[in-house]
Amino acid sequence: MQNSKRKIQNRGAMPRTQGIVQLIIIVALSVIILSLLGVSLRALFTDQTLKENFIFVWDFLRHAWGIYVWPYIQSLWQKVQELM
């Protein structure tokens, strides 16, 4: 009886090593696909325009999070805590 309970509990669980292997496979396939498309990763990481664009997008996301998203989440969380 206990063995069947263990099997049921472990059925949906994925071992940690399997997740790491999947991550490695995804990264490797991504590099292969980018290479086949003719994209140089070194050129991407050294391109000043690309860096500036990512900085701009990151600053915008931080601003939007701080002004528009976080206050609503914070007030919603306070209401949830009041209900508990």
Foldseek 3Di string as FASTA:
>chain_A
DVVVVVCVVCVPPDDPVVVVVVVVVVVVVVVVVCVVVVHDPVCCVPPPVNVVVVVVVVVVVVVCCVPPPVVVVVVVVVVVVVVD
